[in-house]
C-alpha cells in the first residue's frame, strides 16, 4: 500500500480578475469554501495530509478561518509562497512586480512538506469527488516508479469548464492511443459565444472549438521526483525571464519539458465530472446553486465539518 498520498492546495492567488481573495468566499450553505469540498473529497478518497500554499499576508487568517476546520480530520501543513522564495541571490526582477512566479513556483515551495506521491489542485476550483478518487487510485498503484517516472493529470471536457461571464484560460491536451499526454497548450482566451465555444488569438481572430477537447484544470499527480525538475527549470526560467514583469512559471510548461526530455510520462485520467470555478465575481452565485444541487442529490452532507 505505501503511504497515503498528499493533497497540495494552491491558495496563494490574489484573485486579480475576481477582485479579492476568493479562497475565503462561502459557496456552501454553512459557509463552506471551495477548498472545504476539495479537502472533504480528498479525505474520502484516502489522502492522508493536506498542504496549503498561502501568502504570509493572509496566512494567519487562513489558518484560523480555513485550516482549523480540518485539524481533527487530517494532517495539515502550511507553506508560504513569496516573490523571493527559492530565488537565488543575484537575480533581479522589475520593481512593479509583487506577485510570485506562478503555479510551478507554488509547487516548488512546498517541497520540504511533501515526501510522498501527491496531487495538486487550485483552491478556487471545484473538481468533483470522481476526480479525487481517480487520482487517489493512480497515486496508490504507481508508488513504485520504473526507469521513467509516471505522473498523472485529470482531464476534463472543455465544455464542462467554461464561464458564462467572460474569457477563461485553459490548457488543451493532446493524448496518444494509450491515454498518455503528448502536449498541453495554454489557450489564454476561450469564451462562450452564441452557445458555441471559441478561442480568440492575439490578433483577435476567432477559432471554433468543439467542447469535447480534453482540458487540464491544474489537477496533477506527481511523485516527489518532480521537485528536482522544478528546481532546475525554475533556475532556467529566472535566468531567462525574471525581468519580464508578468512572466509566470507554469506547471504545464514544466511537464512539457520533462516529457520532451523523455524523463516522465503523464497518464491522462479522463473524467466527465462537471468542474466549476470562480474566475469572475458573478460566478459565485452559479457555484452556490451547483453545490446546493449536489447536496440535494445526496453527494455531500448539508454541513461538511
C-alpha atoms as a PDB file:
ATOM      1  CA  UNK A   1       0.000   0.000   0.000  1.00  0.00           C
ATOM      2  CA  UNK A   2       2.686   2.502   0.911  1.00  0.00           C
ATOM      3  CA  UNK A   3       1.995   5.950   2.286  1.00  0.00           C
ATOM      4  CA  UNK A   4      -1.242   7.776   1.783  1.00  0.00           C
ATOM      5  CA  UNK A   5      -0.919  10.441  -0.899  1.00  0.00           C
ATOM      6  CA  UNK A   6      -0.906  14.142  -0.018  1.00  0.00           C
ATOM      7  CA  UNK A   7      -3.165  16.882  -1.355  1.00  0.00           C
ATOM      8  CA  UNK A   8      -1.415  20.149  -2.247  1.00  0.00           C
ATOM      9  CA  UNK A   9      -3.793  23.114  -2.436  1.00  0.00           C
ATOM     10  CA  UNK A  10      -2.558  26.229  -4.264  1.00  0.00           C
ATOM     11  CA  UNK A  11      -4.182  29.025  -2.283  1.00  0.00           C
ATOM     12  CA  UNK A  12      -1.730  31.899  -2.695  1.00  0.00           C
ATOM     13  CA  UNK A  13      -3.583  33.637  -5.540  1.00  0.00           C
ATOM     14  CA  UNK A  14      -4.614  37.256  -5.199  1.00  0.00           C
ATOM     15  CA  UNK A  15      -7.736  36.956  -7.396  1.00  0.00           C
ATOM     16  CA  UNK A  16      -6.981  39.871  -9.714  1.00  0.00           C
ATOM     17  CA  UNK A  17      -9.759  39.158 -12.255  1.00  0.00           C
ATOM     18  CA  UNK A  18     -12.110  38.242  -9.442  1.00  0.00           C
ATOM     19  CA  UNK A  19     -11.428  41.285  -7.294  1.00  0.00           C
ATOM     20  CA  UNK A  20     -10.495  39.819  -3.929  1.00  0.00           C
ATOM     21  CA  UNK A  21      -9.489  36.724  -2.035  1.00  0.00           C
ATOM     22  CA  UNK A  22     -11.921  34.130  -3.315  1.00  0.00           C
ATOM     23  CA  UNK A  23     -10.291  31.484  -1.098  1.00  0.00           C
ATOM     24  CA  UNK A  24     -12.479  32.749   1.769  1.00  0.00           C
ATOM     25  CA  UNK A  25     -15.765  33.165  -0.094  1.00  0.00           C
ATOM     26  CA  UNK A  26     -18.593  30.946   1.090  1.00  0.00           C
ATOM     27  CA  UNK A  27     -20.136  28.730  -1.573  1.00  0.00           C
ATOM     28  CA  UNK A  28     -21.896  26.172   0.656  1.00  0.00           C
ATOM     29  CA  UNK A  29     -24.997  26.543   2.837  1.00  0.00           C
ATOM     30  CA  UNK A  30     -22.982  26.659   6.075  1.00  0.00           C
ATOM     31  CA  UNK A  31     -20.231  28.987   4.957  1.00  0.00           C
ATOM     32  CA  UNK A  32     -18.172  26.273   3.270  1.00  0.00           C
ATOM     33  CA  UNK A  33     -15.469  27.454   0.857  1.00  0.00           C
ATOM     34  CA  UNK A  34     -14.499  25.749  -2.388  1.00  0.00           C
ATOM     35  CA  UNK A  35     -11.475  24.282  -0.588  1.00  0.00           C
ATOM     36  CA  UNK A  36     -13.688  22.681   2.035  1.00  0.00           C
ATOM     37  CA  UNK A  37     -15.213  20.486  -0.673  1.00  0.00           C
ATOM     38  CA  UNK A  38     -11.818  19.564  -2.103  1.00  0.00           C
ATOM     39  CA  UNK A  39     -10.437  18.631   1.305  1.00  0.00           C
ATOM     40  CA  UNK A  40     -13.597  16.663   2.093  1.00  0.00           C
ATOM     41  CA  UNK A  41     -13.390  14.757  -1.227  1.00  0.00           C
ATOM     42  CA  UNK A  42      -9.666  14.110  -0.710  1.00  0.00           C
ATOM     43  CA  UNK A  43     -10.154  12.671   2.781  1.00  0.00           C
ATOM     44  CA  UNK A  44     -12.967  10.439   1.490  1.00  0.00           C
ATOM     45  CA  UNK A  45     -10.689   9.280  -1.343  1.00  0.00           C
ATOM     46  CA  UNK A  46      -7.900   8.322   1.070  1.00  0.00           C
ATOM     47  CA  UNK A  47      -5.481  11.259   1.119  1.00  0.00           C
ATOM     48  CA  UNK A  48      -3.577  11.468   4.399  1.00  0.00           C
ATOM     49  CA  UNK A  49      -2.271  15.020   4.503  1.00  0.00           C
ATOM     50  CA  UNK A  50      -3.171  18.445   3.125  1.00  0.00           C
ATOM     51  CA  UNK A  51      -0.560  21.115   2.404  1.00  0.00           C
ATOM     52  CA  UNK A  52      -1.757  24.671   1.716  1.00  0.00           C
ATOM     53  CA  UNK A  53       0.361  27.157  -0.219  1.00  0.00           C
ATOM     54  CA  UNK A  54      -0.555  30.635   1.062  1.00  0.00           C
ATOM     55  CA  UNK A  55       0.906  34.139   1.271  1.00  0.00           C
ATOM     56  CA  UNK A  56       2.363  35.485   4.509  1.00  0.00           C
ATOM     57  CA  UNK A  57      -0.040  38.432   4.317  1.00  0.00           C
ATOM     58  CA  UNK A  58      -3.064  36.201   4.986  1.00  0.00           C
ATOM     59  CA  UNK A  59      -1.503  33.056   6.483  1.00  0.00           C
ATOM     60  CA  UNK A  60      -2.913  33.678   9.976  1.00  0.00           C
ATOM     61  CA  UNK A  61      -6.389  34.471   8.692  1.00  0.00           C
ATOM     62  CA  UNK A  62      -6.207  31.349   6.539  1.00  0.00           C
ATOM     63  CA  UNK A  63      -5.209  29.129   9.416  1.00  0.00           C
ATOM     64  CA  UNK A  64      -7.963  30.368  11.723  1.00  0.00           C
ATOM     65  CA  UNK A  65     -10.736  30.555   9.100  1.00  0.00           C
ATOM     66  CA  UNK A  66      -9.935  27.568   6.923  1.00  0.00           C
ATOM     67  CA  UNK A  67      -7.329  25.200   8.303  1.00  0.00           C
ATOM     68  CA  UNK A  68      -8.689  24.997  11.834  1.00  0.00           C
ATOM     69  CA  UNK A  69     -11.804  23.236  10.490  1.00  0.00           C
ATOM     70  CA  UNK A  70      -9.886  20.149   9.366  1.00  0.00           C
ATOM     71  CA  UNK A  71      -7.456  19.912  12.267  1.00  0.00           C
ATOM     72  CA  UNK A  72      -9.043  16.771  13.696  1.00  0.00           C
ATOM     73  CA  UNK A  73      -9.666  15.049  10.363  1.00  0.00           C
ATOM     74  CA  UNK A  74      -6.316  15.102   8.530  1.00  0.00           C
ATOM     75  CA  UNK A  75      -2.689  16.248   8.886  1.00  0.00           C
ATOM     76  CA  UNK A  76      -2.347  19.897   7.851  1.00  0.00           C
ATOM     77  CA  UNK A  77       0.704  21.937   6.868  1.00  0.00           C
ATOM     78  CA  UNK A  78       1.173  25.461   5.511  1.00  0.00           C
ATOM     79  CA  UNK A  79       3.891  26.893   3.292  1.00  0.00           C
ATOM     80  CA  UNK A  80       4.278  30.487   2.141  1.00  0.00           C
ATOM     81  CA  UNK A  81       4.899  31.431  -1.470  1.00  0.00           C
ATOM     82  CA  UNK A  82       6.544  34.837  -1.727  1.00  0.00           C
ATOM     83  CA  UNK A  83       8.207  36.575  -4.627  1.00  0.00           C
ATOM     84  CA  UNK A  84      11.664  35.864  -3.181  1.00  0.00           C
ATOM     85  CA  UNK A  85      11.026  32.196  -2.239  1.00  0.00           C
ATOM     86  CA  UNK A  86      13.652  29.911  -3.821  1.00  0.00           C
ATOM     87  CA  UNK A  87      15.137  32.811  -5.810  1.00  0.00           C
ATOM     88  CA  UNK A  88      18.951  32.745  -5.642  1.00  0.00           C
ATOM     89  CA  UNK A  89      20.999  35.858  -4.899  1.00  0.00           C
ATOM     90  CA  UNK A  90      21.889  37.951  -7.898  1.00  0.00           C
ATOM     91  CA  UNK A  91      18.526  37.558  -9.662  1.00  0.00           C
ATOM     92  CA  UNK A  92      16.618  40.819 -10.036  1.00  0.00           C
ATOM     93  CA  UNK A  93      13.058  41.494 -11.155  1.00  0.00           C
ATOM     94  CA  UNK A  94      11.076  44.626 -12.098  1.00  0.00           C
ATOM     95  CA  UNK A  95      10.127  46.906  -9.205  1.00  0.00           C
ATOM     96  CA  UNK A  96       6.454  46.782 -10.174  1.00  0.00           C
ATOM     97  CA  UNK A  97       6.315  43.021  -9.731  1.00  0.00           C
ATOM     98  CA  UNK A  98       4.714  41.956  -6.445  1.00  0.00           C
ATOM     99  CA  UNK A  99       3.206  38.547  -7.146  1.00  0.00           C
ATOM    100  CA  UNK A 100       5.152  35.282  -7.020  1.00  0.00           C
ATOM    101  CA  UNK A 101       6.152  33.253 -10.084  1.00  0.00           C
ATOM    102  CA  UNK A 102       3.119  31.086 -10.840  1.00  0.00           C
ATOM    103  CA  UNK A 103       1.940  27.517 -10.306  1.00  0.00           C
ATOM    104  CA  UNK A 104       5.292  25.782 -10.827  1.00  0.00           C
ATOM    105  CA  UNK A 105       6.812  28.035  -8.185  1.00  0.00           C
ATOM    106  CA  UNK A 106       3.867  27.339  -5.842  1.00  0.00           C
ATOM    107  CA  UNK A 107       4.508  23.589  -6.022  1.00  0.00           C
ATOM    108  CA  UNK A 108       8.260  24.061  -5.536  1.00  0.00           C
ATOM    109  CA  UNK A 109       7.893  25.988  -2.267  1.00  0.00           C
ATOM    110  CA  UNK A 110       6.023  23.010  -0.773  1.00  0.00           C
ATOM    111  CA  UNK A 111       8.980  20.674  -1.310  1.00  0.00           C
ATOM    112  CA  UNK A 112      10.015  20.402   2.349  1.00  0.00           C
ATOM    113  CA  UNK A 113       6.473  19.366   3.408  1.00  0.00           C
ATOM    114  CA  UNK A 114       5.900  16.618   0.827  1.00  0.00           C
ATOM    115  CA  UNK A 115       7.717  13.274   0.877  1.00  0.00           C
ATOM    116  CA  UNK A 116       5.219  11.049  -0.900  1.00  0.00           C
ATOM    117  CA  UNK A 117       3.145  10.996  -4.066  1.00  0.00           C
ATOM    118  CA  UNK A 118       0.821  13.974  -4.177  1.00  0.00           C
ATOM    119  CA  UNK A 119      -1.871  15.703  -6.136  1.00  0.00           C
ATOM    120  CA  UNK A 120      -2.117  19.451  -6.677  1.00  0.00           C
ATOM    121  CA  UNK A 121      -5.329  21.441  -7.076  1.00  0.00           C
ATOM    122  CA  UNK A 122      -6.335  25.099  -7.238  1.00  0.00           C
ATOM    123  CA  UNK A 123      -8.045  26.452  -4.117  1.00  0.00           C
ATOM    124  CA  UNK A 124     -10.841  28.133  -6.069  1.00  0.00           C
ATOM    125  CA  UNK A 125     -11.890  25.217  -8.281  1.00  0.00           C
ATOM    126  CA  UNK A 126     -14.451  22.508  -7.663  1.00  0.00           C
ATOM    127  CA  UNK A 127     -13.310  19.221  -9.191  1.00  0.00           C
ATOM    128  CA  UNK A 128     -15.874  16.667  -8.027  1.00  0.00           C
ATOM    129  CA  UNK A 129     -15.411  13.506  -5.984  1.00  0.00           C
ATOM    130  CA  UNK A 130     -14.796  11.264  -9.010  1.00  0.00           C
ATOM    131  CA  UNK A 131     -11.673  13.254  -9.900  1.00  0.00           C
ATOM    132  CA  UNK A 132     -10.168  12.751  -6.439  1.00  0.00           C
ATOM    133  CA  UNK A 133     -10.988   9.035  -6.475  1.00  0.00           C
ATOM    134  CA  UNK A 134      -9.364   8.528  -9.875  1.00  0.00           C
ATOM    135  CA  UNK A 135      -6.210  10.335  -8.823  1.00  0.00           C
ATOM    136  CA  UNK A 136      -6.021   8.594  -5.429  1.00  0.00           C
ATOM    137  CA  UNK A 137      -6.246   5.237  -7.181  1.00  0.00           C
ATOM    138  CA  UNK A 138      -3.479   6.219  -9.616  1.00  0.00           C
ATOM    139  CA  UNK A 139      -1.174   7.527  -6.871  1.00  0.00           C
ATOM    140  CA  UNK A 140      -1.670   4.393  -4.773  1.00  0.00           C
ATOM    141  CA  UNK A 141      -0.954   1.991  -7.626  1.00  0.00           C
ATOM    142  CA  UNK A 142       2.002   3.951  -9.052  1.00  0.00           C
ATOM    143  CA  UNK A 143       4.052   4.288  -5.911  1.00  0.00           C
ATOM    144  CA  UNK A 144       6.801   2.149  -7.486  1.00  0.00           C
ATOM    145  CA  UNK A 145       8.442   4.048 -10.303  1.00  0.00           C
ATOM    146  CA  UNK A 146      10.360   2.373 -13.108  1.00  0.00           C
ATOM    147  CA  UNK A 147      13.036   3.944 -15.269  1.00  0.00           C
ATOM    148  CA  UNK A 148      10.688   6.670 -16.430  1.00  0.00           C
ATOM    149  CA  UNK A 149       8.522   8.452 -13.889  1.00  0.00           C
ATOM    150  CA  UNK A 150       4.816   8.223 -14.397  1.00  0.00           C
ATOM    151  CA  UNK A 151       2.788  11.265 -13.428  1.00  0.00           C
ATOM    152  CA  UNK A 152      -0.922  11.861 -13.998  1.00  0.00           C
ATOM    153  CA  UNK A 153      -3.389  14.573 -14.870  1.00  0.00           C
ATOM    154  CA  UNK A 154      -7.166  14.579 -14.549  1.00  0.00           C
ATOM    155  CA  UNK A 155      -8.605  15.643 -17.915  1.00  0.00           C
ATOM    156  CA  UNK A 156     -11.936  17.461 -18.081  1.00  0.00           C
ATOM    157  CA  UNK A 157     -14.073  18.066 -21.161  1.00  0.00           C
ATOM    158  CA  UNK A 158     -13.672  21.684 -22.260  1.00  0.00           C
ATOM    159  CA  UNK A 159     -17.453  22.192 -22.436  1.00  0.00           C
ATOM    160  CA  UNK A 160     -17.639  21.415 -18.711  1.00  0.00           C
ATOM    161  CA  UNK A 161     -15.134  24.135 -17.818  1.00  0.00           C
ATOM    162  CA  UNK A 162     -16.132  27.455 -19.416  1.00  0.00           C
ATOM    163  CA  UNK A 163     -17.609  30.507 -17.670  1.00  0.00           C
ATOM    164  CA  UNK A 164     -20.675  32.336 -18.969  1.00  0.00           C
ATOM    165  CA  UNK A 165     -19.217  35.558 -17.563  1.00  0.00           C
ATOM    166  CA  UNK A 166     -16.108  36.084 -19.650  1.00  0.00           C
ATOM    167  CA  UNK A 167     -12.998  34.514 -21.106  1.00  0.00           C
ATOM    168  CA  UNK A 168     -11.054  31.757 -19.365  1.00  0.00           C
ATOM    169  CA  UNK A 169      -7.560  30.391 -19.860  1.00  0.00           C
ATOM    170  CA  UNK A 170      -7.349  26.627 -20.435  1.00  0.00           C
ATOM    171  CA  UNK A 171      -4.661  24.058 -21.161  1.00  0.00           C
ATOM    172  CA  UNK A 172      -5.887  21.951 -24.097  1.00  0.00           C
ATOM    173  CA  UNK A 173      -4.359  18.474 -24.141  1.00  0.00           C
ATOM    174  CA  UNK A 174      -3.379  16.011 -26.849  1.00  0.00           C
ATOM    175  CA  UNK A 175      -3.035  12.330 -25.930  1.00  0.00           C
ATOM    176  CA  UNK A 176      -1.790   9.173 -27.638  1.00  0.00           C
ATOM    177  CA  UNK A 177      -3.755   5.939 -28.085  1.00  0.00           C
ATOM    178  CA  UNK A 178      -2.771   4.758 -24.577  1.00  0.00           C
ATOM    179  CA  UNK A 179      -4.093   7.944 -22.916  1.00  0.00           C
ATOM    180  CA  UNK A 180      -0.637   9.347 -22.277  1.00  0.00           C
ATOM    181  CA  UNK A 181      -0.268  13.080 -22.643  1.00  0.00           C
ATOM    182  CA  UNK A 182       1.625  14.271 -25.724  1.00  0.00           C
ATOM    183  CA  UNK A 183       1.183  18.029 -25.217  1.00  0.00           C
ATOM    184  CA  UNK A 184      -0.623  20.737 -23.243  1.00  0.00           C
ATOM    185  CA  UNK A 185      -1.094  24.069 -24.968  1.00  0.00           C
ATOM    186  CA  UNK A 186      -2.326  27.057 -22.990  1.00  0.00           C
ATOM    187  CA  UNK A 187      -5.203  28.892 -24.705  1.00  0.00           C
ATOM    188  CA  UNK A 188      -5.419  32.191 -22.784  1.00  0.00           C
ATOM    189  CA  UNK A 189      -8.800  33.386 -24.138  1.00  0.00           C
ATOM    190  CA  UNK A 190     -11.620  30.896 -24.501  1.00  0.00           C
ATOM    191  CA  UNK A 191     -15.223  32.026 -24.309  1.00  0.00           C
ATOM    192  CA  UNK A 192     -18.838  31.098 -24.952  1.00  0.00           C
ATOM    193  CA  UNK A 193     -20.329  32.963 -27.886  1.00  0.00           C
ATOM    194  CA  UNK A 194     -23.858  32.243 -29.164  1.00  0.00           C
ATOM    195  CA  UNK A 195     -23.742  28.910 -27.281  1.00  0.00           C
ATOM    196  CA  UNK A 196     -20.562  27.930 -29.126  1.00  0.00           C
ATOM    197  CA  UNK A 197     -17.059  27.751 -27.675  1.00  0.00           C
ATOM    198  CA  UNK A 198     -14.468  29.935 -29.386  1.00  0.00           C
ATOM    199  CA  UNK A 199     -10.808  30.724 -28.883  1.00  0.00           C
ATOM    200  CA  UNK A 200      -9.577  34.264 -29.525  1.00  0.00           C
ATOM    201  CA  UNK A 201      -5.928  34.627 -30.515  1.00  0.00           C
ATOM    202  CA  UNK A 202      -3.514  37.548 -30.055  1.00  0.00           C
ATOM    203  CA  UNK A 203      -4.743  39.153 -33.271  1.00  0.00           C
ATOM    204  CA  UNK A 204      -8.385  38.926 -32.130  1.00  0.00           C
ATOM    205  CA  UNK A 205      -9.093  36.186 -34.682  1.00  0.00           C
ATOM    206  CA  UNK A 206     -11.748  33.679 -33.592  1.00  0.00           C
ATOM    207  CA  UNK A 207     -11.480  29.908 -33.915  1.00  0.00           C
ATOM    208  CA  UNK A 208     -14.209  27.379 -33.125  1.00  0.00           C
ATOM    209  CA  UNK A 209     -13.664  24.594 -30.618  1.00  0.00           C
ATOM    210  CA  UNK A 210     -15.915  21.551 -30.253  1.00  0.00           C
ATOM    211  CA  UNK A 211     -16.116  21.483 -26.462  1.00  0.00           C
ATOM    212  CA  UNK A 212     -15.012  17.835 -26.441  1.00  0.00           C
ATOM    213  CA  UNK A 213     -11.347  18.801 -26.131  1.00  0.00           C
ATOM    214  CA  UNK A 214      -9.519  17.284 -23.169  1.00  0.00           C
ATOM    215  CA  UNK A 215      -8.625  20.099 -20.783  1.00  0.00           C
ATOM    216  CA  UNK A 216      -6.210  20.485 -17.897  1.00  0.00           C
ATOM    217  CA  UNK A 217      -7.640  22.217 -14.841  1.00  0.00           C
ATOM    218  CA  UNK A 218      -4.380  22.099 -12.882  1.00  0.00           C
ATOM    219  CA  UNK A 219      -5.201  18.780 -11.264  1.00  0.00           C
ATOM    220  CA  UNK A 220      -1.906  16.910 -11.459  1.00  0.00           C
ATOM    221  CA  UNK A 221      -0.487  13.866  -9.705  1.00  0.00           C
ATOM    222  CA  UNK A 222       3.251  13.679  -9.088  1.00  0.00           C
ATOM    223  CA  UNK A 223       5.866  11.670  -7.255  1.00  0.00           C
ATOM    224  CA  UNK A 224       8.426  13.688  -5.247  1.00  0.00           C
ATOM    225  CA  UNK A 225      10.835  13.432  -8.200  1.00  0.00           C
ATOM    226  CA  UNK A 226       9.005  16.448  -9.648  1.00  0.00           C
ATOM    227  CA  UNK A 227      10.828  18.720  -7.175  1.00  0.00           C
ATOM    228  CA  UNK A 228      14.237  18.143  -8.757  1.00  0.00           C
ATOM    229  CA  UNK A 229      12.794  19.073 -12.154  1.00  0.00           C
ATOM    230  CA  UNK A 230      11.116  22.146 -10.683  1.00  0.00           C
ATOM    231  CA  UNK A 231      14.288  23.407  -9.023  1.00  0.00           C
ATOM    232  CA  UNK A 232      16.287  23.002 -12.217  1.00  0.00           C
ATOM    233  CA  UNK A 233      13.672  24.533 -14.522  1.00  0.00           C
ATOM    234  CA  UNK A 234      12.889  27.391 -12.132  1.00  0.00           C
ATOM    235  CA  UNK A 235      16.534  28.496 -12.230  1.00  0.00           C
ATOM    236  CA  UNK A 236      16.495  28.380 -16.034  1.00  0.00           C
ATOM    237  CA  UNK A 237      13.244  30.339 -16.051  1.00  0.00           C
ATOM    238  CA  UNK A 238      14.661  33.028 -13.737  1.00  0.00           C
ATOM    239  CA  UNK A 239      17.833  33.378 -15.772  1.00  0.00           C
ATOM    240  CA  UNK A 240      15.782  33.797 -18.923  1.00  0.00           C
ATOM    241  CA  UNK A 241      12.672  35.663 -17.889  1.00  0.00           C
ATOM    242  CA  UNK A 242      12.907  37.237 -14.410  1.00  0.00           C
ATOM    243  CA  UNK A 243      12.978  40.735 -15.906  1.00  0.00           C
ATOM    244  CA  UNK A 244       9.589  40.302 -17.608  1.00  0.00           C
ATOM    245  CA  UNK A 245       7.007  41.968 -15.373  1.00  0.00           C
ATOM    246  CA  UNK A 246       4.372  39.255 -15.853  1.00  0.00           C
ATOM    247  CA  UNK A 247       6.448  36.125 -16.510  1.00  0.00           C
ATOM    248  CA  UNK A 248       4.877  33.015 -14.965  1.00  0.00           C
ATOM    249  CA  UNK A 249       6.490  29.649 -14.298  1.00  0.00           C
ATOM    250  CA  UNK A 250       3.608  27.297 -15.163  1.00  0.00           C
ATOM    251  CA  UNK A 251       3.244  23.621 -14.284  1.00  0.00           C
ATOM    252  CA  UNK A 252       2.139  22.610 -17.837  1.00  0.00           C
ATOM    253  CA  UNK A 253       5.351  24.110 -19.236  1.00  0.00           C
ATOM    254  CA  UNK A 254       7.410  22.176 -16.699  1.00  0.00           C
ATOM    255  CA  UNK A 255       5.579  18.953 -17.554  1.00  0.00           C
ATOM    256  CA  UNK A 256       6.004  19.526 -21.308  1.00  0.00           C
ATOM    257  CA  UNK A 257       9.750  19.964 -20.802  1.00  0.00           C
ATOM    258  CA  UNK A 258      10.042  16.783 -18.719  1.00  0.00           C
ATOM    259  CA  UNK A 259       8.079  14.807 -21.340  1.00  0.00           C
ATOM    260  CA  UNK A 260      10.153  16.242 -24.187  1.00  0.00           C
ATOM    261  CA  UNK A 261      13.319  15.110 -22.401  1.00  0.00           C
ATOM    262  CA  UNK A 262      11.836  11.601 -22.082  1.00  0.00           C
ATOM    263  CA  UNK A 263      12.083  11.734 -18.287  1.00  0.00           C
ATOM    264  CA  UNK A 264       8.408  11.175 -17.494  1.00  0.00           C
ATOM    265  CA  UNK A 265       5.139  10.005 -18.984  1.00  0.00           C
ATOM    266  CA  UNK A 266       1.831  11.524 -17.943  1.00  0.00           C
ATOM    267  CA  UNK A 267      -1.294   9.409 -17.796  1.00  0.00           C
ATOM    268  CA  UNK A 268      -4.487  11.343 -18.540  1.00  0.00           C
ATOM    269  CA  UNK A 269      -7.338  10.244 -16.284  1.00  0.00           C
ATOM    270  CA  UNK A 270     -10.428  11.358 -18.179  1.00  0.00           C
ATOM    271  CA  UNK A 271     -13.479  12.435 -16.216  1.00  0.00           C
ATOM    272  CA  UNK A 272     -16.964  13.529 -17.165  1.00  0.00           C
ATOM    273  CA  UNK A 273     -17.211  15.434 -13.904  1.00  0.00           C
ATOM    274  CA  UNK A 274     -18.616  18.918 -14.092  1.00  0.00           C
ATOM    275  CA  UNK A 275     -15.825  21.204 -12.991  1.00  0.00           C
ATOM    276  CA  UNK A 276     -16.765  24.643 -11.775  1.00  0.00           C
ATOM    277  CA  UNK A 277     -14.702  27.544 -10.571  1.00  0.00           C
ATOM    278  CA  UNK A 278     -14.677  31.199  -9.718  1.00  0.00           C
ATOM    279  CA  UNK A 279     -12.856  33.296 -12.248  1.00  0.00           C
ATOM    280  CA  UNK A 280     -15.289  36.196 -12.005  1.00  0.00           C
ATOM    281  CA  UNK A 281     -17.296  37.602  -9.114  1.00  0.00           C
ATOM    282  CA  UNK A 282     -20.526  36.708 -10.974  1.00  0.00           C
ATOM    283  CA  UNK A 283     -19.530  33.024 -10.973  1.00  0.00           C
ATOM    284  CA  UNK A 284     -20.199  32.863  -7.227  1.00  0.00           C
ATOM    285  CA  UNK A 285     -23.985  32.506  -7.484  1.00  0.00           C
ATOM    286  CA  UNK A 286     -23.658  29.813 -10.176  1.00  0.00           C
ATOM    287  CA  UNK A 287     -21.301  27.839  -7.963  1.00  0.00           C
ATOM    288  CA  UNK A 288     -23.584  28.247  -4.965  1.00  0.00           C
ATOM    289  CA  UNK A 289     -26.563  26.796  -6.844  1.00  0.00           C
ATOM    290  CA  UNK A 290     -24.438  23.903  -8.180  1.00  0.00           C
ATOM    291  CA  UNK A 291     -23.392  22.985  -4.633  1.00  0.00           C
ATOM    292  CA  UNK A 292     -26.979  23.137  -3.400  1.00  0.00           C
ATOM    293  CA  UNK A 293     -27.930  20.792  -6.236  1.00  0.00           C
ATOM    294  CA  UNK A 294     -25.188  18.298  -5.280  1.00  0.00           C
ATOM    295  CA  UNK A 295     -26.321  18.377  -1.652  1.00  0.00           C
ATOM    296  CA  UNK A 296     -29.911  17.689  -2.690  1.00  0.00           C
ATOM    297  CA  UNK A 297     -28.657  14.705  -4.746  1.00  0.00           C
ATOM    298  CA  UNK A 298     -27.040  13.337  -1.586  1.00  0.00           C
ATOM    299  CA  UNK A 299     -23.454  13.789  -2.850  1.00  0.00           C
ATOM    300  CA  UNK A 300     -22.473  15.982   0.114  1.00  0.00           C
ATOM    301  CA  UNK A 301     -23.815  16.478   3.626  1.00  0.00           C
ATOM    302  CA  UNK A 302     -25.546  19.783   4.316  1.00  0.00           C
ATOM    303  CA  UNK A 303     -22.776  20.638   6.791  1.00  0.00           C
ATOM    304  CA  UNK A 304     -19.316  19.382   5.844  1.00  0.00           C
ATOM    305  CA  UNK A 305     -17.365  19.820   9.089  1.00  0.00           C
END
